[in-house]
């Protein structure tokens, strides 16, 4: 077992042989060290069975992502199950990855909406690594639910309704996700009811706290990049609406509107080419659906829908033209129940992000 001492500078445990605090850079010598308190720090790669902050009992590893590992856990004081997401050990303290990881907690944590994953707590392991405590979801990613040829319009109407309601609330909190894609949308089962959840706010931008994307910075997943993202230009909430348009196009047709054999070709298509009308790929779609996507995927952000609320209303109207089963979200013929009770309070004014 490796020995640790608690640092006087940051009050966190470090390997006993360390000479400088990895968080402050200050010297840790016999004169500045606190007495060895025998602290043992579990490996971030083997947390099962560990009790974090005297309340989260870590269980099995249930998933690994680019930035972190997710564990099933129990809040021992409440007896409730949660998910604990821990930053991978390869990322150092103070790194850009750690900042993005913590941004996910801070951004999603203040969005209170059924269609956004709930963040309950943010903490640190004994070695200083951050972790997030979030709701435990049972279900599958949206990407696993897209069949060849696309989904029925009624099914897309229900999913779009939930996705855009969640984004509407995020934008009302001045949070721009910047990486909306099927892998970041989860179809959770809650009491037998399907609820769409927006995940992974790790590259989200807080418009209230900082300026939007700097020139030359490109973040996001290639197929879902808005033209201004692909060109490295400043972005705002309308990049989420573009990406939502790409996702909805893919849900209806089974494939994204833009493609290429490599990244440069894909970016060129996003910047220069118009998307095929979806009715060319799925004949049953009404002309109103083509008109919707012409606006949703406009190259100029000013020509797109300006709010998630207005986009949601327009799409549901367009899909209703495809037949009576799509007149309302979650209409007849669906295999899933409506996600949650909608009230007039859900239809509050759209929030315009300039």
Protein backbone atom coordinates (compact mmCIF):
# COMPACT_ATOMS: atom_id res chain seq x y z
CA UNK A 1 0.00 0.00 0.00
CA UNK A 2 1.41 3.41 -0.97
CA UNK A 3 1.82 5.92 1.85
CA UNK A 4 0.32 9.39 1.71
CA UNK A 5 0.76 12.57 3.70
CA UNK A 6 -1.65 15.47 3.95
CA UNK A 7 -0.33 18.67 2.38
CA UNK A 8 -0.32 21.86 4.45
CA UNK A 9 -0.83 23.99 1.34
CA UNK A 10 -3.98 22.39 -0.15
CA UNK A 11 -5.02 20.08 2.71
CA UNK A 12 -5.22 17.12 0.32
CA UNK A 13 -3.21 13.88 0.59
CA UNK A 14 -0.18 13.39 -1.67
CA UNK A 15 2.22 10.50 -2.18
CA UNK A 16 4.67 10.62 0.71
CA UNK A 17 7.67 10.97 -1.62
CA UNK A 18 6.33 14.06 -3.42
CA UNK A 19 8.47 17.18 -3.10
CA UNK A 20 6.00 19.74 -4.49
CA UNK A 21 2.27 20.11 -4.09
CA UNK A 22 0.78 19.19 -7.52
CA UNK A 23 -2.05 21.70 -7.00
CA UNK A 24 -0.18 24.78 -5.78
CA UNK A 25 3.36 24.02 -6.95
CA UNK A 26 4.71 24.91 -3.54
CA UNK A 27 7.49 22.90 -1.95
CA UNK A 28 6.45 20.07 0.34
CA UNK A 29 9.42 19.38 2.61
CA UNK A 30 9.74 18.01 6.15
CA UNK A 31 9.26 21.51 7.55
CA UNK A 32 6.01 22.18 5.64
CA UNK A 33 4.42 18.71 5.75
CA UNK A 34 1.76 17.86 8.25
CA UNK A 35 2.38 14.67 10.24
CA UNK A 36 1.72 11.47 8.29
CA UNK A 37 -1.92 10.69 9.03
CA UNK A 38 -1.80 7.33 7.28
CA UNK A 39 -4.30 8.37 4.62
CA UNK A 40 -4.83 5.72 1.97
CA UNK A 41 -6.12 6.98 -1.38
CA UNK A 42 -7.91 4.39 -3.52
CA UNK A 43 -7.07 4.15 -7.19
CA UNK A 44 -9.50 6.00 -9.43
CA UNK A 45 -9.61 2.85 -11.54
CA UNK A 46 -10.76 0.65 -8.65
CA UNK A 47 -13.28 2.63 -6.62
CA UNK A 48 -15.82 -0.16 -6.12
CA UNK A 49 -16.51 -0.53 -2.41
CA UNK A 50 -15.20 2.93 -1.55
CA UNK A 51 -17.28 5.33 0.56
CA UNK A 52 -16.93 8.85 -0.83
CA UNK A 53 -17.42 11.80 1.49
CA UNK A 54 -19.06 9.49 4.04
CA UNK A 55 -22.23 9.18 1.97
CA UNK A 56 -21.70 7.66 -1.50
CA UNK A 57 -20.95 3.93 -1.49
CA UNK A 58 -19.46 3.16 -4.90
CA UNK A 59 -20.65 0.02 -6.67
CA UNK A 60 -19.98 -1.50 -10.07
CA UNK A 61 -18.44 0.25 -13.06
CA UNK A 62 -21.31 0.79 -15.52
CA UNK A 63 -19.59 2.73 -18.27
CA UNK A 64 -16.48 4.48 -19.54
CA UNK A 65 -16.34 7.61 -21.65
CA UNK A 66 -13.69 9.87 -23.11
CA UNK A 67 -13.35 11.88 -19.92
CA UNK A 68 -14.53 9.68 -17.09
CA UNK A 69 -15.76 6.42 -15.64
CA UNK A 70 -19.32 6.04 -14.36
CA UNK A 71 -20.16 3.89 -11.35
CA UNK A 72 -23.43 2.81 -9.81
CA UNK A 73 -23.51 4.08 -6.22
CA UNK A 74 -25.79 4.39 -3.21
CA UNK A 75 -26.40 7.41 -1.03
CA UNK A 76 -26.09 5.57 2.27
CA UNK A 77 -27.99 8.18 4.29
CA UNK A 78 -30.98 8.26 1.94
CA UNK A 79 -30.86 4.72 0.57
CA UNK A 80 -31.19 5.99 -3.00
CA UNK A 81 -29.22 4.89 -6.06
CA UNK A 82 -27.18 7.42 -7.99
CA UNK A 83 -24.46 7.46 -10.62
CA UNK A 84 -20.96 8.73 -9.81
CA UNK A 85 -18.83 9.96 -12.70
CA UNK A 86 -15.10 10.22 -11.97
CA UNK A 87 -12.55 12.01 -14.14
CA UNK A 88 -10.01 9.64 -15.71
CA UNK A 89 -6.70 9.48 -13.86
CA UNK A 90 -4.73 10.42 -16.98
CA UNK A 91 -5.99 14.01 -16.68
CA UNK A 92 -3.91 16.17 -14.37
CA UNK A 93 -5.17 18.64 -11.80
CA UNK A 94 -5.87 22.02 -13.36
CA UNK A 95 -5.93 20.60 -16.89
CA UNK A 96 -8.39 21.75 -19.52
CA UNK A 97 -10.07 18.35 -19.23
CA UNK A 98 -10.65 18.83 -15.51
CA UNK A 99 -12.10 22.29 -16.14
CA UNK A 100 -14.47 20.87 -18.77
CA UNK A 101 -15.45 18.07 -16.40
CA UNK A 102 -16.32 20.49 -13.62
CA UNK A 103 -18.11 22.73 -16.11
CA UNK A 104 -20.46 19.83 -16.81
CA UNK A 105 -21.48 19.76 -13.17
CA UNK A 106 -21.86 23.49 -12.83
CA UNK A 107 -23.74 23.92 -16.13
CA UNK A 108 -26.15 20.99 -15.90
CA UNK A 109 -26.51 21.35 -12.15
CA UNK A 110 -28.49 24.56 -12.41
CA UNK A 111 -30.85 23.36 -15.17
CA UNK A 112 -33.92 21.98 -13.47
CA UNK A 113 -35.89 20.17 -16.17
CA UNK A 114 -37.11 16.58 -16.68
CA UNK A 115 -35.34 16.40 -20.05
CA UNK A 116 -31.89 17.33 -18.73
CA UNK A 117 -29.85 14.88 -16.65
CA UNK A 118 -29.89 15.97 -13.01
CA UNK A 119 -26.61 16.68 -11.23
CA UNK A 120 -26.94 16.36 -7.46
CA UNK A 121 -23.45 16.98 -6.16
CA UNK A 122 -19.84 17.72 -7.06
CA UNK A 123 -16.95 16.43 -4.97
CA UNK A 124 -13.34 15.33 -4.99
CA UNK A 125 -11.65 12.03 -4.29
CA UNK A 126 -8.97 11.94 -1.60
CA UNK A 127 -6.35 12.41 -4.35
CA UNK A 128 -8.08 15.59 -5.51
CA UNK A 129 -9.76 14.15 -8.61
CA UNK A 130 -13.26 15.57 -9.19
CA UNK A 131 -16.41 13.51 -9.38
CA UNK A 132 -20.04 14.25 -10.22
CA UNK A 133 -23.08 12.67 -8.61
CA UNK A 134 -26.03 12.43 -10.98
CA UNK A 135 -29.28 10.60 -11.44
CA UNK A 136 -28.92 6.93 -12.33
CA UNK A 137 -30.50 6.29 -15.73
CA UNK A 138 -31.79 2.99 -17.07
CA UNK A 139 -32.29 2.77 -20.82
CA UNK A 140 -30.21 3.43 -23.93
CA UNK A 141 -28.68 6.21 -25.98
CA UNK A 142 -30.78 7.69 -28.76
CA UNK A 143 -28.16 6.54 -31.27
CA UNK A 144 -29.14 2.93 -30.54
CA UNK A 145 -32.76 3.65 -31.49
CA UNK A 146 -32.31 4.97 -35.04
CA UNK A 147 -33.20 2.27 -37.57
CA UNK A 148 -32.25 2.23 -41.23
CA UNK A 149 -34.80 4.37 -43.01
CA UNK A 150 -35.63 6.43 -39.94
CA UNK A 151 -38.42 6.54 -37.37
CA UNK A 152 -42.14 7.22 -37.91
CA UNK A 153 -43.02 10.94 -37.79
CA UNK A 154 -45.18 10.43 -34.69
CA UNK A 155 -42.22 8.96 -32.83
CA UNK A 156 -39.96 11.80 -33.95
CA UNK A 157 -42.57 14.33 -32.82
CA UNK A 158 -42.45 12.99 -29.26
CA UNK A 159 -38.65 12.87 -29.15
CA UNK A 160 -38.30 16.34 -30.68
CA UNK A 161 -40.80 17.78 -28.23
CA UNK A 162 -38.73 16.56 -25.28
CA UNK A 163 -35.33 17.45 -26.76
CA UNK A 164 -36.33 21.02 -27.57
CA UNK A 165 -38.06 21.54 -24.23
CA UNK A 166 -34.86 20.54 -22.47
CA UNK A 167 -32.78 22.87 -24.63
CA UNK A 168 -35.25 25.68 -24.09
CA UNK A 169 -34.66 25.46 -20.35
CA UNK A 170 -30.88 25.22 -20.79
CA UNK A 171 -30.87 28.33 -22.97
CA UNK A 172 -33.08 30.13 -20.47
CA UNK A 173 -30.25 29.53 -17.98
CA UNK A 174 -27.83 30.91 -20.62
CA UNK A 175 -26.15 27.54 -21.07
CA UNK A 176 -25.23 26.47 -24.63
CA UNK A 177 -24.53 22.73 -24.93
CA UNK A 178 -22.46 22.81 -28.17
CA UNK A 179 -22.41 19.04 -28.67
CA UNK A 180 -25.99 17.89 -29.24
CA UNK A 181 -25.88 14.49 -30.96
CA UNK A 182 -27.63 11.11 -30.58
CA UNK A 183 -24.87 9.81 -28.29
CA UNK A 184 -25.55 12.69 -25.88
CA UNK A 185 -29.29 12.04 -25.75
CA UNK A 186 -30.50 9.22 -23.52
CA UNK A 187 -33.87 7.45 -23.55
CA UNK A 188 -34.46 6.62 -19.90
CA UNK A 189 -37.22 4.46 -18.46
CA UNK A 190 -38.81 5.90 -15.35
CA UNK A 191 -41.63 3.80 -13.97
CA UNK A 192 -42.28 2.31 -17.40
CA UNK A 193 -42.42 5.76 -19.02
CA UNK A 194 -39.79 6.84 -21.53
CA UNK A 195 -38.13 10.17 -20.77
CA UNK A 196 -35.55 11.79 -23.03
CA UNK A 197 -32.53 13.17 -21.18
CA UNK A 198 -29.86 15.51 -22.56
CA UNK A 199 -26.43 14.42 -21.32
CA UNK A 200 -22.83 15.65 -21.24
CA UNK A 201 -22.55 19.40 -20.76
CA UNK A 202 -18.75 19.09 -20.55
CA UNK A 203 -18.08 21.53 -23.42
CA UNK A 204 -21.05 23.74 -22.66
CA UNK A 205 -20.56 27.50 -22.56
CA UNK A 206 -22.04 29.75 -19.91
CA UNK A 207 -23.05 32.94 -21.71
CA UNK A 208 -23.48 34.80 -18.45
CA UNK A 209 -20.00 33.94 -17.19
CA UNK A 210 -17.80 34.27 -20.26
CA UNK A 211 -17.69 35.30 -23.87
CA UNK A 212 -18.76 32.74 -26.40
CA UNK A 213 -16.40 30.62 -28.48
CA UNK A 214 -13.21 32.35 -29.55
CA UNK A 215 -12.25 32.63 -33.18
CA UNK A 216 -10.48 29.49 -34.35
CA UNK A 217 -11.79 27.22 -31.58
CA UNK A 218 -13.71 24.19 -32.86
CA UNK A 219 -15.57 22.03 -30.36
CA UNK A 220 -18.29 19.49 -31.05
CA UNK A 221 -18.83 16.29 -33.04
CA UNK A 222 -18.19 16.65 -36.82
CA UNK A 223 -21.54 15.60 -38.31
CA UNK A 224 -23.46 17.89 -35.96
CA UNK A 225 -21.26 20.99 -36.19
CA UNK A 226 -23.01 24.19 -37.21
CA UNK A 227 -21.30 26.11 -40.04
CA UNK A 228 -20.06 28.77 -37.62
CA UNK A 229 -18.59 26.05 -35.39
CA UNK A 230 -16.92 24.32 -38.33
CA UNK A 231 -15.42 27.66 -39.38
CA UNK A 232 -14.18 28.39 -35.86
CA UNK A 233 -16.35 31.50 -35.52
CA UNK A 234 -18.08 32.76 -32.36
CA UNK A 235 -21.21 30.79 -31.52
CA UNK A 236 -24.36 31.17 -29.48
CA UNK A 237 -27.42 29.06 -28.62
CA UNK A 238 -28.33 28.68 -32.28
CA UNK A 239 -25.60 26.07 -32.73
CA UNK A 240 -27.69 23.81 -30.48
CA UNK A 241 -30.70 24.40 -32.71
CA UNK A 242 -28.68 23.53 -35.82
CA UNK A 243 -27.41 20.34 -34.19
CA UNK A 244 -30.96 19.49 -33.12
CA UNK A 245 -32.03 19.94 -36.73
CA UNK A 246 -29.33 17.49 -37.84
CA UNK A 247 -30.42 14.98 -35.18
CA UNK A 248 -34.09 15.30 -36.16
CA UNK A 249 -33.23 14.90 -39.85
CA UNK A 250 -31.34 11.73 -38.94
CA UNK A 251 -34.27 10.45 -36.88
CA UNK A 252 -36.65 10.91 -39.81
CA UNK A 253 -34.41 9.59 -42.60
CA UNK A 254 -31.96 7.27 -40.84
CA UNK A 255 -28.85 9.25 -41.78
CA UNK A 256 -27.38 12.74 -41.20
CA UNK A 257 -27.95 15.39 -43.88
CA UNK A 258 -24.23 15.98 -44.52
CA UNK A 259 -21.45 13.50 -45.14
CA UNK A 260 -17.97 13.08 -46.57
CA UNK A 261 -15.16 10.57 -46.90
CA UNK A 262 -13.03 12.56 -44.46
CA UNK A 263 -13.22 15.50 -42.10
CA UNK A 264 -12.33 18.22 -44.67
CA UNK A 265 -15.00 16.93 -47.06
CA UNK A 266 -17.57 16.85 -44.26
CA UNK A 267 -16.75 20.40 -43.20
CA UNK A 268 -16.96 21.56 -46.81
CA UNK A 269 -20.40 19.97 -47.14
CA UNK A 270 -21.59 21.66 -43.95
CA UNK A 271 -20.25 25.04 -45.08
CA UNK A 272 -21.17 24.95 -48.77
CA UNK A 273 -23.85 22.37 -49.59
CA UNK A 274 -27.57 22.41 -48.93
CA UNK A 275 -29.15 19.37 -47.31
CA UNK A 276 -31.33 17.21 -49.53
CA UNK A 277 -35.02 17.73 -48.74
CA UNK A 278 -35.90 14.85 -46.40
CA UNK A 279 -38.84 13.91 -48.63
CA UNK A 280 -36.28 12.81 -51.24
CA UNK A 281 -35.17 10.14 -48.79
CA UNK A 282 -38.54 9.34 -47.19
CA UNK A 283 -41.39 9.88 -49.64
CA UNK A 284 -44.11 9.91 -46.99
CA UNK A 285 -42.87 13.18 -45.52
CA UNK A 286 -44.95 16.27 -46.26
CA UNK A 287 -43.65 19.44 -48.01
CA UNK A 288 -44.01 21.24 -44.68
CA UNK A 289 -41.25 19.01 -43.30
CA UNK A 290 -38.94 20.02 -46.16
CA UNK A 291 -39.67 23.68 -45.43
CA UNK A 292 -38.92 23.17 -41.75
CA UNK A 293 -35.46 21.71 -42.43
CA UNK A 294 -34.66 24.37 -45.01
CA UNK A 295 -34.91 26.88 -42.17
CA UNK A 296 -33.48 24.67 -39.40
CA UNK A 297 -30.34 23.99 -41.47
CA UNK A 298 -29.84 27.47 -42.88
CA UNK A 299 -26.15 28.37 -43.11
CA UNK A 300 -26.78 31.86 -41.70
CA UNK A 301 -27.76 31.67 -38.01
CA UNK A 302 -30.05 34.69 -38.48
CA UNK A 303 -32.12 32.68 -40.97
CA UNK A 304 -32.66 29.75 -38.58
CA UNK A 305 -35.14 29.39 -35.78
CA UNK A 306 -34.02 31.73 -33.02
CA UNK A 307 -35.36 29.78 -30.04
CA UNK A 308 -35.95 26.16 -29.15
CA UNK A 309 -39.59 26.96 -28.44
CA UNK A 310 -40.28 28.37 -31.89
CA UNK A 311 -38.43 25.46 -33.48
CA UNK A 312 -40.49 22.94 -31.51
CA UNK A 313 -43.78 24.57 -32.51
CA UNK A 314 -42.78 24.68 -36.18
CA UNK A 315 -41.66 21.04 -36.27
CA UNK A 316 -44.78 19.69 -34.60
CA UNK A 317 -46.89 21.66 -37.08
CA UNK A 318 -44.84 20.29 -40.01
CA UNK A 319 -45.03 16.70 -38.79
CA UNK A 320 -48.77 17.02 -38.24
CA UNK A 321 -49.08 17.52 -41.99
CA UNK A 322 -47.76 13.96 -42.46
CA UNK A 323 -50.94 12.45 -41.02
CA UNK A 324 -53.33 12.43 -38.06
CA UNK A 325 -51.02 10.34 -35.85
CA UNK A 326 -48.54 13.22 -35.65
CA UNK A 327 -50.97 15.98 -34.71
CA UNK A 328 -49.52 16.03 -31.19
CA UNK A 329 -46.31 14.80 -29.63
CA UNK A 330 -46.61 11.22 -28.41
CA UNK A 331 -49.64 10.67 -30.66
CA UNK A 332 -51.57 7.48 -31.38
CA UNK A 333 -49.66 4.47 -32.51
CA UNK A 334 -46.64 5.08 -30.30
CA UNK A 335 -45.05 2.23 -28.37
CA UNK A 336 -44.07 4.55 -25.53
CA UNK A 337 -46.08 6.71 -23.19
CA UNK A 338 -45.74 10.52 -23.18
CA UNK A 339 -42.64 11.44 -21.21
CA UNK A 340 -44.29 13.57 -18.57
CA UNK A 341 -47.44 15.55 -17.98
CA UNK A 342 -47.32 18.78 -19.96
CA UNK A 343 -49.04 21.83 -18.58
CA UNK A 344 -49.53 25.36 -19.78
CA UNK A 345 -46.59 26.30 -17.59
CA UNK A 346 -44.37 24.36 -19.99
CA UNK A 347 -45.34 26.76 -22.76
CA UNK A 348 -43.78 29.85 -21.22
CA UNK A 349 -42.27 32.42 -23.55
CA UNK A 350 -39.38 31.48 -25.79
CA UNK A 351 -36.00 32.79 -24.67
CA UNK A 352 -34.08 34.66 -27.37
CA UNK A 353 -30.31 34.43 -27.15
CA UNK A 354 -28.68 37.23 -29.13
